[in-house]
PDB file of N, CA and C in Angstrom:
ATOM      1  N   MET A   1      29.385  11.708  41.781  1.00  0.00           N
ATOM      2  CA  MET A   1      29.446  11.422  40.363  1.00  0.00           C
ATOM      3  C   MET A   1      30.303  10.172  40.150  1.00  0.00           C
ATOM      4  N   HIS A   2      29.850   9.309  39.281  1.00  0.00           N
ATOM      5  CA  HIS A   2      30.577   8.078  38.960  1.00  0.00           C
ATOM      6  C   HIS A   2      31.900   8.438  38.278  1.00  0.00           C
ATOM      7  N   PRO A   3      33.004   7.759  38.622  1.00  0.00           N
ATOM      8  CA  PRO A   3      34.316   8.097  38.038  1.00  0.00           C
ATOM      9  C   PRO A   3      34.342   8.057  36.507  1.00  0.00           C
ATOM     10  N   HIS A   4      33.641   7.089  35.898  1.00  0.00           N
ATOM     11  CA  HIS A   4      33.630   7.014  34.427  1.00  0.00           C
ATOM     12  C   HIS A   4      32.925   8.217  33.817  1.00  0.00           C
ATOM     13  N   LYS A   5      31.849   8.670  34.471  1.00  0.00           N
ATOM     14  CA  LYS A   5      31.122   9.848  33.995  1.00  0.00           C
ATOM     15  C   LYS A   5      32.010  11.082  34.096  1.00  0.00           C
ATOM     16  N   GLN A   6      32.738  11.192  35.189  1.00  0.00           N
ATOM     17  CA  GLN A   6      33.634  12.333  35.372  1.00  0.00           C
ATOM     18  C   GLN A   6      34.734  12.334  34.316  1.00  0.00           C
ATOM     19  N   ILE A   7      35.307  11.182  34.028  1.00  0.00           N
ATOM     20  CA  ILE A   7      36.347  11.075  32.989  1.00  0.00           C
ATOM     21  C   ILE A   7      35.765  11.450  31.637  1.00  0.00           C
ATOM     22  N   GLY A   8      34.551  10.955  31.349  1.00  0.00           N
ATOM     23  CA  GLY A   8      33.888  11.279  30.085  1.00  0.00           C
ATOM     24  C   GLY A   8      33.596  12.758  29.956  1.00  0.00           C
ATOM     25  N   ASP A   9      33.122  13.378  31.037  1.00  0.00           N
ATOM     26  CA  ASP A   9      32.840  14.813  31.022  1.00  0.00           C
ATOM     27  C   ASP A   9      34.113  15.619  30.784  1.00  0.00           C
ATOM     28  N   GLU A  10      35.209  15.218  31.431  1.00  0.00           N
ATOM     29  CA  GLU A  10      36.481  15.916  31.247  1.00  0.00           C
ATOM     30  C   GLU A  10      36.969  15.780  29.805  1.00  0.00           C
ATOM     31  N   ALA A  11      36.825  14.589  29.235  1.00  0.00           N
ATOM     32  CA  ALA A  11      37.235  14.374  27.843  1.00  0.00           C
ATOM     33  C   ALA A  11      36.396  15.244  26.906  1.00  0.00           C
ATOM     34  N   GLU A  12      35.094  15.299  27.145  1.00  0.00           N
ATOM     35  CA  GLU A  12      34.232  16.127  26.305  1.00  0.00           C
ATOM     36  C   GLU A  12      34.587  17.603  26.432  1.00  0.00           C
ATOM     37  N   ASN A  13      34.914  18.059  27.632  1.00  0.00           N
ATOM     38  CA  ASN A  13      35.317  19.454  27.815  1.00  0.00           C
ATOM     39  C   ASN A  13      36.626  19.765  27.094  1.00  0.00           C
ATOM     40  N   ARG A  14      37.575  18.833  27.157  1.00  0.00           N
ATOM     41  CA  ARG A  14      38.841  19.025  26.423  1.00  0.00           C
ATOM     42  C   ARG A  14      38.590  19.066  24.923  1.00  0.00           C
ATOM     43  N   ALA A  15      37.744  18.170  24.446  1.00  0.00           N
ATOM     44  CA  ALA A  15      37.418  18.141  23.019  1.00  0.00           C
ATOM     45  C   ALA A  15      36.722  19.436  22.602  1.00  0.00           C
ATOM     46  N   LEU A  16      35.788  19.897  23.428  1.00  0.00           N
ATOM     47  CA  LEU A  16      35.084  21.140  23.133  1.00  0.00           C
ATOM     48  C   LEU A  16      36.054  22.309  23.045  1.00  0.00           C
ATOM     49  N   ASP A  17      36.952  22.432  24.003  1.00  0.00           N
ATOM     50  CA  ASP A  17      37.953  23.503  23.975  1.00  0.00           C
ATOM     51  C   ASP A  17      38.798  23.417  22.709  1.00  0.00           C
ATOM     52  N   TYR A  18      39.224  22.204  22.368  1.00  0.00           N
ATOM     53  CA  TYR A  18      40.056  21.985  21.179  1.00  0.00           C
ATOM     54  C   TYR A  18      39.313  22.419  19.913  1.00  0.00           C
ATOM     55  N   LEU A  19      38.062  22.003  19.777  1.00  0.00           N
ATOM     56  CA  LEU A  19      37.288  22.356  18.579  1.00  0.00           C
ATOM     57  C   LEU A  19      37.012  23.852  18.511  1.00  0.00           C
ATOM     58  N   ARG A  20      36.750  24.470  19.648  1.00  0.00           N
ATOM     59  CA  ARG A  20      36.554  25.927  19.671  1.00  0.00           C
ATOM     60  C   ARG A  20      37.820  26.654  19.224  1.00  0.00           C
ATOM     61  N   GLN A  21      38.973  26.161  19.651  1.00  0.00           N
ATOM     62  CA  GLN A  21      40.248  26.767  19.242  1.00  0.00           C
ATOM     63  C   GLN A  21      40.448  26.656  17.732  1.00  0.00           C
ATOM     64  N   HIS A  22      39.773  25.685  17.118  1.00  0.00           N
ATOM     65  CA  HIS A  22      39.888  25.495  15.677  1.00  0.00           C
ATOM     66  C   HIS A  22      38.690  26.083  14.918  1.00  0.00           C
ATOM     67  N   GLY A  23      37.959  26.980  15.577  1.00  0.00           N
ATOM     68  CA  GLY A  23      36.946  27.764  14.894  1.00  0.00           C
ATOM     69  C   GLY A  23      35.536  27.212  14.873  1.00  0.00           C
ATOM     70  N   LEU A  24      35.247  26.147  15.602  1.00  0.00           N
ATOM     71  CA  LEU A  24      33.893  25.620  15.648  1.00  0.00           C
ATOM     72  C   LEU A  24      33.133  26.237  16.812  1.00  0.00           C
ATOM     73  N   TYR A  25      31.805  26.237  16.689  1.00  0.00           N
ATOM     74  CA  TYR A  25      30.933  26.808  17.715  1.00  0.00           C
ATOM     75  C   TYR A  25      29.999  25.722  18.250  1.00  0.00           C
ATOM     76  N   LEU A  26      29.807  25.727  19.554  1.00  0.00           N
ATOM     77  CA  LEU A  26      28.936  24.736  20.180  1.00  0.00           C
ATOM     78  C   LEU A  26      27.469  25.065  19.914  1.00  0.00           C
ATOM     79  N   VAL A  27      26.728  24.068  19.443  1.00  0.00           N
ATOM     80  CA  VAL A  27      25.285  24.165  19.300  1.00  0.00           C
ATOM     81  C   VAL A  27      24.631  23.499  20.507  1.00  0.00           C
ATOM     82  N   GLN A  28      25.063  22.262  20.810  1.00  0.00           N
ATOM     83  CA  GLN A  28      24.508  21.541  21.951  1.00  0.00           C
ATOM     84  C   GLN A  28      25.452  20.429  22.367  1.00  0.00           C
ATOM     85  N   ALA A  29      25.569  20.240  23.662  1.00  0.00           N
ATOM     86  CA  ALA A  29      26.330  19.120  24.208  1.00  0.00           C
ATOM     87  C   ALA A  29      25.351  18.060  24.688  1.00  0.00           C
ATOM     88  N   ASN A  30      25.742  16.817  24.548  1.00  0.00           N
ATOM     89  CA  ASN A  30      24.973  15.676  25.061  1.00  0.00           C
ATOM     90  C   ASN A  30      23.524  15.689  24.577  1.00  0.00           C
ATOM     91  N   PHE A  31      23.358  15.644  23.270  1.00  0.00           N
ATOM     92  CA  PHE A  31      22.020  15.570  22.681  1.00  0.00           C
ATOM     93  C   PHE A  31      21.549  14.123  22.713  1.00  0.00           C
ATOM     94  N   PHE A  32      20.402  13.898  23.348  1.00  0.00           N
ATOM     95  CA  PHE A  32      19.858  12.547  23.495  1.00  0.00           C
ATOM     96  C   PHE A  32      18.627  12.369  22.617  1.00  0.00           C
ATOM     97  N   SER A  33      18.477  11.162  22.102  1.00  0.00           N
ATOM     98  CA  SER A  33      17.244  10.733  21.453  1.00  0.00           C
ATOM     99  C   SER A  33      17.014   9.291  21.867  1.00  0.00           C
ATOM    100  N   ARG A  34      15.929   8.707  21.395  1.00  0.00           N
ATOM    101  CA  ARG A  34      15.684   7.303  21.732  1.00  0.00           C
ATOM    102  C   ARG A  34      16.693   6.379  21.055  1.00  0.00           C
ATOM    103  N   PHE A  35      17.441   6.906  20.082  1.00  0.00           N
ATOM    104  CA  PHE A  35      18.432   6.105  19.366  1.00  0.00           C
ATOM    105  C   PHE A  35      19.796   6.099  20.054  1.00  0.00           C
ATOM    106  N   GLY A  36      20.092   7.175  20.771  1.00  0.00           N
ATOM    107  CA  GLY A  36      21.397   7.278  21.409  1.00  0.00           C
ATOM    108  C   GLY A  36      21.738   8.716  21.758  1.00  0.00           C
ATOM    109  N   GLU A  37      23.022   8.979  21.851  1.00  0.00           N
ATOM    110  CA  GLU A  37      23.511  10.298  22.262  1.00  0.00           C
ATOM    111  C   GLU A  37      24.598  10.764  21.309  1.00  0.00           C
ATOM    112  N   ILE A  38      24.611  12.068  21.078  1.00  0.00           N
ATOM    113  CA  ILE A  38      25.726  12.707  20.380  1.00  0.00           C
ATOM    114  C   ILE A  38      26.415  13.589  21.405  1.00  0.00           C
ATOM    115  N   ASP A  39      27.730  13.390  21.555  1.00  0.00           N
ATOM    116  CA  ASP A  39      28.469  14.111  22.595  1.00  0.00           C
ATOM    117  C   ASP A  39      28.456  15.614  22.360  1.00  0.00           C
ATOM    118  N   LEU A  40      28.805  16.039  21.152  1.00  0.00           N
ATOM    119  CA  LEU A  40      28.860  17.462  20.839  1.00  0.00           C
ATOM    120  C   LEU A  40      28.253  17.706  19.466  1.00  0.00           C
ATOM    121  N   ILE A  41      27.398  18.701  19.376  1.00  0.00           N
ATOM    122  CA  ILE A  41      26.923  19.172  18.080  1.00  0.00           C
ATOM    123  C   ILE A  41      27.521  20.563  17.910  1.00  0.00           C
ATOM    124  N   MET A  42      28.324  20.706  16.877  1.00  0.00           N
ATOM    125  CA  MET A  42      29.064  21.937  16.637  1.00  0.00           C
ATOM    126  C   MET A  42      28.654  22.515  15.279  1.00  0.00           C
ATOM    127  N   ARG A  43      29.090  23.739  15.022  1.00  0.00           N
ATOM    128  CA  ARG A  43      28.912  24.362  13.713  1.00  0.00           C
ATOM    129  C   ARG A  43      30.240  24.896  13.251  1.00  0.00           C
ATOM    130  N   ASP A  44      30.447  24.786  11.941  1.00  0.00           N
ATOM    131  CA  ASP A  44      31.556  25.484  11.319  1.00  0.00           C
ATOM    132  C   ASP A  44      30.979  26.247  10.130  1.00  0.00           C
ATOM    133  N   ALA A  45      31.830  26.819   9.299  1.00  0.00           N
ATOM    134  CA  ALA A  45      31.349  27.633   8.179  1.00  0.00           C
ATOM    135  C   ALA A  45      30.536  26.820   7.179  1.00  0.00           C
ATOM    136  N   GLU A  46      30.728  25.508   7.161  1.00  0.00           N
ATOM    137  CA  GLU A  46      30.071  24.674   6.161  1.00  0.00           C
ATOM    138  C   GLU A  46      28.793  24.007   6.660  1.00  0.00           C
ATOM    139  N   GLY A  47      28.557  23.962   7.959  1.00  0.00           N
ATOM    140  CA  GLY A  47      27.341  23.331   8.459  1.00  0.00           C
ATOM    141  C   GLY A  47      27.505  22.757   9.848  1.00  0.00           C
ATOM    142  N   TYR A  48      26.697  21.758  10.136  1.00  0.00           N
ATOM    143  CA  TYR A  48      26.701  21.115  11.443  1.00  0.00           C
ATOM    144  C   TYR A  48      27.726  19.983  11.477  1.00  0.00           C
ATOM    145  N   VAL A  49      28.352  19.819  12.636  1.00  0.00           N
ATOM    146  CA  VAL A  49      29.345  18.772  12.844  1.00  0.00           C
ATOM    147  C   VAL A  49      28.918  17.986  14.079  1.00  0.00           C
ATOM    148  N   PHE A  50      28.632  16.700  13.866  1.00  0.00           N
ATOM    149  CA  PHE A  50      28.255  15.807  14.959  1.00  0.00           C
ATOM    150  C   PHE A  50      29.524  15.103  15.431  1.00  0.00           C
ATOM    151  N   VAL A  51      29.856  15.282  16.706  1.00  0.00           N
ATOM    152  CA  VAL A  51      31.163  14.850  17.208  1.00  0.00           C
ATOM    153  C   VAL A  51      31.012  13.768  18.279  1.00  0.00           C
ATOM    154  N   GLU A  52      31.701  12.669  18.056  1.00  0.00           N
ATOM    155  CA  GLU A  52      31.818  11.597  19.053  1.00  0.00           C
ATOM    156  C   GLU A  52      33.164  11.788  19.748  1.00  0.00           C
ATOM    157  N   VAL A  53      33.157  11.794  21.076  1.00  0.00           N
ATOM    158  CA  VAL A  53      34.380  11.964  21.856  1.00  0.00           C
ATOM    159  C   VAL A  53      34.695  10.646  22.548  1.00  0.00           C
ATOM    160  N   LYS A  54      35.929  10.183  22.380  1.00  0.00           N
ATOM    161  CA  LYS A  54      36.361   8.933  23.017  1.00  0.00           C
ATOM    162  C   LYS A  54      37.722   9.131  23.642  1.00  0.00           C
ATOM    163  N   GLN A  55      37.871   8.593  24.841  1.00  0.00           N
ATOM    164  CA  GLN A  55      39.169   8.602  25.517  1.00  0.00           C
ATOM    165  C   GLN A  55      39.465   7.185  25.989  1.00  0.00           C
ATOM    166  N   ARG A  56      40.691   6.749  25.770  1.00  0.00           N
ATOM    167  CA  ARG A  56      41.110   5.426  26.204  1.00  0.00           C
ATOM    168  C   ARG A  56      42.524   5.499  26.763  1.00  0.00           C
ATOM    169  N   LYS A  57      42.719   4.854  27.903  1.00  0.00           N
ATOM    170  CA  LYS A  57      44.057   4.792  28.498  1.00  0.00           C
ATOM    171  C   LYS A  57      45.035   4.059  27.590  1.00  0.00           C
ATOM    172  N   ALA A  58      44.522   3.091  26.826  1.00  0.00           N
ATOM    173  CA  ALA A  58      45.384   2.275  25.964  1.00  0.00           C
ATOM    174  C   ALA A  58      45.865   3.047  24.731  1.00  0.00           C
ATOM    175  N   GLY A  59      45.355   4.240  24.505  1.00  0.00           N
ATOM    176  CA  GLY A  59      45.849   5.053  23.404  1.00  0.00           C
ATOM    177  C   GLY A  59      44.795   5.384  22.367  1.00  0.00           C
ATOM    178  N   LEU A  60      45.231   6.173  21.392  1.00  0.00           N
ATOM    179  CA  LEU A  60      44.329   6.698  20.384  1.00  0.00           C
ATOM    180  C   LEU A  60      43.696   5.607  19.527  1.00  0.00           C
ATOM    181  N   ASN A  61      44.471   4.594  19.146  1.00  0.00           N
ATOM    182  CA  ASN A  61      43.913   3.536  18.295  1.00  0.00           C
ATOM    183  C   ASN A  61      42.760   2.814  18.975  1.00  0.00           C
ATOM    184  N   HIS A  62      42.885   2.560  20.264  1.00  0.00           N
ATOM    185  CA  HIS A  62      41.791   1.909  20.994  1.00  0.00           C
ATOM    186  C   HIS A  62      40.562   2.810  21.038  1.00  0.00           C
ATOM    187  N   ALA A  63      40.790   4.107  21.153  1.00  0.00           N
ATOM    188  CA  ALA A  63      39.665   5.047  21.161  1.00  0.00           C
ATOM    189  C   ALA A  63      38.960   5.035  19.804  1.00  0.00           C
ATOM    190  N   ILE A  64      39.729   5.032  18.739  1.00  0.00           N
ATOM    191  CA  ILE A  64      39.151   5.007  17.391  1.00  0.00           C
ATOM    192  C   ILE A  64      38.377   3.709  17.169  1.00  0.00           C
ATOM    193  N   GLU A  65      38.970   2.589  17.578  1.00  0.00           N
ATOM    194  CA  GLU A  65      38.331   1.283  17.375  1.00  0.00           C
ATOM    195  C   GLU A  65      37.036   1.143  18.163  1.00  0.00           C
ATOM    196  N   SER A  66      36.861   1.949  19.200  1.00  0.00           N
ATOM    197  CA  SER A  66      35.650   1.844  20.011  1.00  0.00           C
ATOM    198  C   SER A  66      34.431   2.466  19.323  1.00  0.00           C
ATOM    199  N   ILE A  67      34.636   3.137  18.198  1.00  0.00           N
ATOM    200  CA  ILE A  67      33.510   3.704  17.443  1.00  0.00           C
ATOM    201  C   ILE A  67      33.088   2.641  16.417  1.00  0.00           C
ATOM    202  N   THR A  68      32.347   1.677  16.909  1.00  0.00           N
ATOM    203  CA  THR A  68      31.965   0.496  16.143  1.00  0.00           C
ATOM    204  C   THR A  68      30.887   0.822  15.105  1.00  0.00           C
ATOM    205  N   PRO A  69      30.654  -0.094  14.167  1.00  0.00           N
ATOM    206  CA  PRO A  69      29.547   0.118  13.218  1.00  0.00           C
ATOM    207  C   PRO A  69      28.198   0.328  13.916  1.00  0.00           C
ATOM    208  N   ALA A  70      27.945  -0.389  15.000  1.00  0.00           N
ATOM    209  CA  ALA A  70      26.696  -0.189  15.743  1.00  0.00           C
ATOM    210  C   ALA A  70      26.629   1.223  16.314  1.00  0.00           C
ATOM    211  N   LYS A  71      27.733   1.710  16.863  1.00  0.00           N
ATOM    212  CA  LYS A  71      27.779   3.072  17.400  1.00  0.00           C
ATOM    213  C   LYS A  71      27.575   4.079  16.278  1.00  0.00           C
ATOM    214  N   GLN A  72      28.163   3.823  15.126  1.00  0.00           N
ATOM    215  CA  GLN A  72      28.004   4.722  13.986  1.00  0.00           C
ATOM    216  C   GLN A  72      26.540   4.808  13.559  1.00  0.00           C
ATOM    217  N   ARG A  73      25.841   3.668  13.531  1.00  0.00           N
ATOM    218  CA  ARG A  73      24.412   3.676  13.174  1.00  0.00           C
ATOM    219  C   ARG A  73      23.617   4.518  14.165  1.00  0.00           C
ATOM    220  N   LYS A  74      23.924   4.384  15.449  1.00  0.00           N
ATOM    221  CA  LYS A  74      23.220   5.172  16.466  1.00  0.00           C
ATOM    222  C   LYS A  74      23.487   6.664  16.294  1.00  0.00           C
ATOM    223  N   LEU A  75      24.732   7.007  15.956  1.00  0.00           N
ATOM    224  CA  LEU A  75      25.065   8.411  15.719  1.00  0.00           C
ATOM    225  C   LEU A  75      24.264   8.973  14.554  1.00  0.00           C
ATOM    226  N   VAL A  76      24.196   8.208  13.468  1.00  0.00           N
ATOM    227  CA  VAL A  76      23.465   8.661  12.286  1.00  0.00           C
ATOM    228  C   VAL A  76      21.981   8.831  12.612  1.00  0.00           C
ATOM    229  N   GLN A  77      21.393   7.855  13.284  1.00  0.00           N
ATOM    230  CA  GLN A  77      19.974   7.945  13.624  1.00  0.00           C
ATOM    231  C   GLN A  77      19.692   9.133  14.542  1.00  0.00           C
ATOM    232  N   THR A  78      20.571   9.365  15.504  1.00  0.00           N
ATOM    233  CA  THR A  78      20.390  10.491  16.426  1.00  0.00           C
ATOM    234  C   THR A  78      20.555  11.809  15.688  1.00  0.00           C
ATOM    235  N   ALA A  79      21.516  11.878  14.777  1.00  0.00           N
ATOM    236  CA  ALA A  79      21.708  13.092  13.982  1.00  0.00           C
ATOM    237  C   ALA A  79      20.503  13.350  13.083  1.00  0.00           C
ATOM    238  N   GLN A  80      19.952  12.300  12.486  1.00  0.00           N
ATOM    239  CA  GLN A  80      18.762  12.463  11.649  1.00  0.00           C
ATOM    240  C   GLN A  80      17.604  13.014  12.478  1.00  0.00           C
ATOM    241  N   TYR A  81      17.466  12.523  13.696  1.00  0.00           N
ATOM    242  CA  TYR A  81      16.420  13.022  14.593  1.00  0.00           C
ATOM    243  C   TYR A  81      16.641  14.505  14.900  1.00  0.00           C
ATOM    244  N   PHE A  82      17.887  14.881  15.210  1.00  0.00           N
ATOM    245  CA  PHE A  82      18.205  16.281  15.485  1.00  0.00           C
ATOM    246  C   PHE A  82      17.860  17.157  14.277  1.00  0.00           C
ATOM    247  N   LEU A  83      18.251  16.710  13.089  1.00  0.00           N
ATOM    248  CA  LEU A  83      18.003  17.500  11.879  1.00  0.00           C
ATOM    249  C   LEU A  83      16.509  17.599  11.573  1.00  0.00           C
ATOM    250  N   MET A  84      15.764  16.542  11.857  1.00  0.00           N
ATOM    251  CA  MET A  84      14.314  16.573  11.666  1.00  0.00           C
ATOM    252  C   MET A  84      13.694  17.628  12.591  1.00  0.00           C
ATOM    253  N   LYS A  85      14.145  17.664  13.848  1.00  0.00           N
ATOM    254  CA  LYS A  85      13.635  18.668  14.799  1.00  0.00           C
ATOM    255  C   LYS A  85      14.047  20.080  14.373  1.00  0.00           C
ATOM    256  N   LEU A  86      15.228  20.192  13.767  1.00  0.00           N
ATOM    257  CA  LEU A  86      15.724  21.488  13.305  1.00  0.00           C
ATOM    258  C   LEU A  86      14.831  22.017  12.183  1.00  0.00           C
ATOM    259  N   GLY A  87      14.349  21.113  11.343  1.00  0.00           N
ATOM    260  CA  GLY A  87      13.418  21.488  10.289  1.00  0.00           C
ATOM    261  C   GLY A  87      14.043  22.214   9.124  1.00  0.00           C
ATOM    262  N   LYS A  88      15.350  22.051   8.946  1.00  0.00           N
ATOM    263  CA  LYS A  88      16.038  22.691   7.827  1.00  0.00           C
ATOM    264  C   LYS A  88      16.902  21.658   7.129  1.00  0.00           C
ATOM    265  N   ASP A  89      17.153  21.905   5.848  1.00  0.00           N
ATOM    266  CA  ASP A  89      18.080  21.072   5.098  1.00  0.00           C
ATOM    267  C   ASP A  89      19.453  21.731   5.204  1.00  0.00           C
ATOM    268  N   VAL A  90      20.369  21.079   5.906  1.00  0.00           N
ATOM    269  CA  VAL A  90      21.685  21.671   6.146  1.00  0.00           C
ATOM    270  C   VAL A  90      22.782  20.660   5.825  1.00  0.00           C
ATOM    271  N   ASN A  91      23.960  21.176   5.562  1.00  0.00           N
ATOM    272  CA  ASN A  91      25.126  20.311   5.404  1.00  0.00           C
ATOM    273  C   ASN A  91      25.554  19.811   6.779  1.00  0.00           C
ATOM    274  N   CYS A  92      26.040  18.582   6.821  1.00  0.00           N
ATOM    275  CA  CYS A  92      26.549  18.068   8.085  1.00  0.00           C
ATOM    276  C   CYS A  92      27.600  16.998   7.820  1.00  0.00           C
ATOM    277  N   ARG A  93      28.372  16.717   8.855  1.00  0.00           N
ATOM    278  CA  ARG A  93      29.358  15.638   8.798  1.00  0.00           C
ATOM    279  C   ARG A  93      29.518  15.063  10.201  1.00  0.00           C
ATOM    280  N   PHE A  94      30.177  13.902  10.246  1.00  0.00           N
ATOM    281  CA  PHE A  94      30.432  13.211  11.505  1.00  0.00           C
ATOM    282  C   PHE A  94      31.936  13.185  11.749  1.00  0.00           C
ATOM    283  N   ASP A  95      32.345  13.733  12.885  1.00  0.00           N
ATOM    284  CA  ASP A  95      33.749  13.755  13.271  1.00  0.00           C
ATOM    285  C   ASP A  95      33.913  13.010  14.592  1.00  0.00           C
ATOM    286  N   ALA A  96      35.163  12.739  14.917  1.00  0.00           N
ATOM    287  CA  ALA A  96      35.492  12.174  16.231  1.00  0.00           C
ATOM    288  C   ALA A  96      36.687  12.930  16.789  1.00  0.00           C
ATOM    289  N   VAL A  97      36.680  13.113  18.081  1.00  0.00           N
ATOM    290  CA  VAL A  97      37.857  13.609  18.784  1.00  0.00           C
ATOM    291  C   VAL A  97      38.251  12.501  19.739  1.00  0.00           C
ATOM    292  N   VAL A  98      39.462  12.000  19.555  1.00  0.00           N
ATOM    293  CA  VAL A  98      39.941  10.902  20.395  1.00  0.00           C
ATOM    294  C   VAL A  98      41.094  11.397  21.250  1.00  0.00           C
ATOM    295  N   LEU A  99      41.095  10.924  22.494  1.00  0.00           N
ATOM    296  CA  LEU A  99      42.104  11.351  23.454  1.00  0.00           C
ATOM    297  C   LEU A  99      42.789  10.121  24.022  1.00  0.00           C
ATOM    298  N   GLY A 100      44.098  10.220  24.182  1.00  0.00           N
ATOM    299  CA  GLY A 100      44.863   9.138  24.778  1.00  0.00           C
ATOM    300  C   GLY A 100      45.163   9.427  26.239  1.00  0.00           C
ATOM    301  N   ALA A 101      45.891   8.527  26.850  1.00  0.00           N
ATOM    302  CA  ALA A 101      46.190   8.637  28.283  1.00  0.00           C
ATOM    303  C   ALA A 101      47.207   9.721  28.605  1.00  0.00           C
ATOM    304  N   HIS A 102      47.969  10.157  27.604  1.00  0.00           N
ATOM    305  CA  HIS A 102      49.068  11.108  27.853  1.00  0.00           C
ATOM    306  C   HIS A 102      48.803  12.451  27.171  1.00  0.00           C
ATOM    307  N   ASP A 103      47.548  12.901  27.252  1.00  0.00           N
ATOM    308  CA  ASP A 103      47.128  14.188  26.692  1.00  0.00           C
ATOM    309  C   ASP A 103      47.205  14.270  25.174  1.00  0.00           C
ATOM    310  N   GLU A 104      47.334  13.125  24.480  1.00  0.00           N
ATOM    311  CA  GLU A 104      47.268  13.166  23.034  1.00  0.00           C
ATOM    312  C   GLU A 104      45.828  13.470  22.642  1.00  0.00           C
ATOM    313  N   ILE A 105      45.674  14.198  21.557  1.00  0.00           N
ATOM    314  CA  ILE A 105      44.338  14.489  21.055  1.00  0.00           C
ATOM    315  C   ILE A 105      44.408  14.481  19.536  1.00  0.00           C
ATOM    316  N   GLU A 106      43.417  13.863  18.938  1.00  0.00           N
ATOM    317  CA  GLU A 106      43.374  13.798  17.482  1.00  0.00           C
ATOM    318  C   GLU A 106      41.938  14.048  17.032  1.00  0.00           C
ATOM    319  N   TRP A 107      41.798  14.889  16.010  1.00  0.00           N
ATOM    320  CA  TRP A 107      40.507  15.237  15.449  1.00  0.00           C
ATOM    321  C   TRP A 107      40.382  14.536  14.108  1.00  0.00           C
ATOM    322  N   LEU A 108      39.443  13.627  14.014  1.00  0.00           N
ATOM    323  CA  LEU A 108      39.212  12.857  12.794  1.00  0.00           C
ATOM    324  C   LEU A 108      37.939  13.371  12.134  1.00  0.00           C
ATOM    325  N   LYS A 109      38.066  13.873  10.919  1.00  0.00           N
ATOM    326  CA  LYS A 109      36.910  14.437  10.210  1.00  0.00           C
ATOM    327  C   LYS A 109      36.285  13.392   9.292  1.00  0.00           C
ATOM    328  N   ASN A 110      34.991  13.500   9.113  1.00  0.00           N
ATOM    329  CA  ASN A 110      34.243  12.633   8.192  1.00  0.00           C
ATOM    330  C   ASN A 110      34.446  11.160   8.483  1.00  0.00           C
ATOM    331  N   ILE A 111      34.200  10.764   9.731  1.00  0.00           N
ATOM    332  CA  ILE A 111      34.407   9.350  10.090  1.00  0.00           C
ATOM    333  C   ILE A 111      33.302   8.449   9.560  1.00  0.00           C
ATOM    334  N   ILE A 112      32.163   9.044   9.203  1.00  0.00           N
ATOM    335  CA  ILE A 112      31.058   8.276   8.631  1.00  0.00           C
ATOM    336  C   ILE A 112      30.687   8.935   7.315  1.00  0.00           C
ATOM    337  N   ILE A 113      30.749   8.162   6.260  1.00  0.00           N
ATOM    338  CA  ILE A 113      30.370   8.675   4.949  1.00  0.00           C
ATOM    339  C   ILE A 113      29.000   8.094   4.600  1.00  0.00           C
ATOM    340  N   LEU A 114      28.047   8.963   4.365  1.00  0.00           N
ATOM    341  CA  LEU A 114      26.684   8.515   4.042  1.00  0.00           C
ATOM    342  C   LEU A 114      26.498   8.466   2.548  1.00  0.00           C
TER     343      LEU A 114
END
């Protein structure tokens, strides 16, 4: 396994554990479409939560900054594809879980407002 893939998988697992501890349930990990990938699709009491997971050695701010407008567009398009396949009208939001080099973790809710 490529080292970057292993680091990404570990970050996603940490994020998943963190979100589960806060009451969310996993629907699907690593959902792919022709538009891109969503790291985690979760559910809470209000609906679906599309989660982007980022880890950066340089710290949380660098992880947040890596979710560029282009990445946000891909997330939205991929989420729209997922919802179309689901075939239901549901509430949803876009969150991010960012991890730093020293086990810092931050959960950012509603990072994309449609």
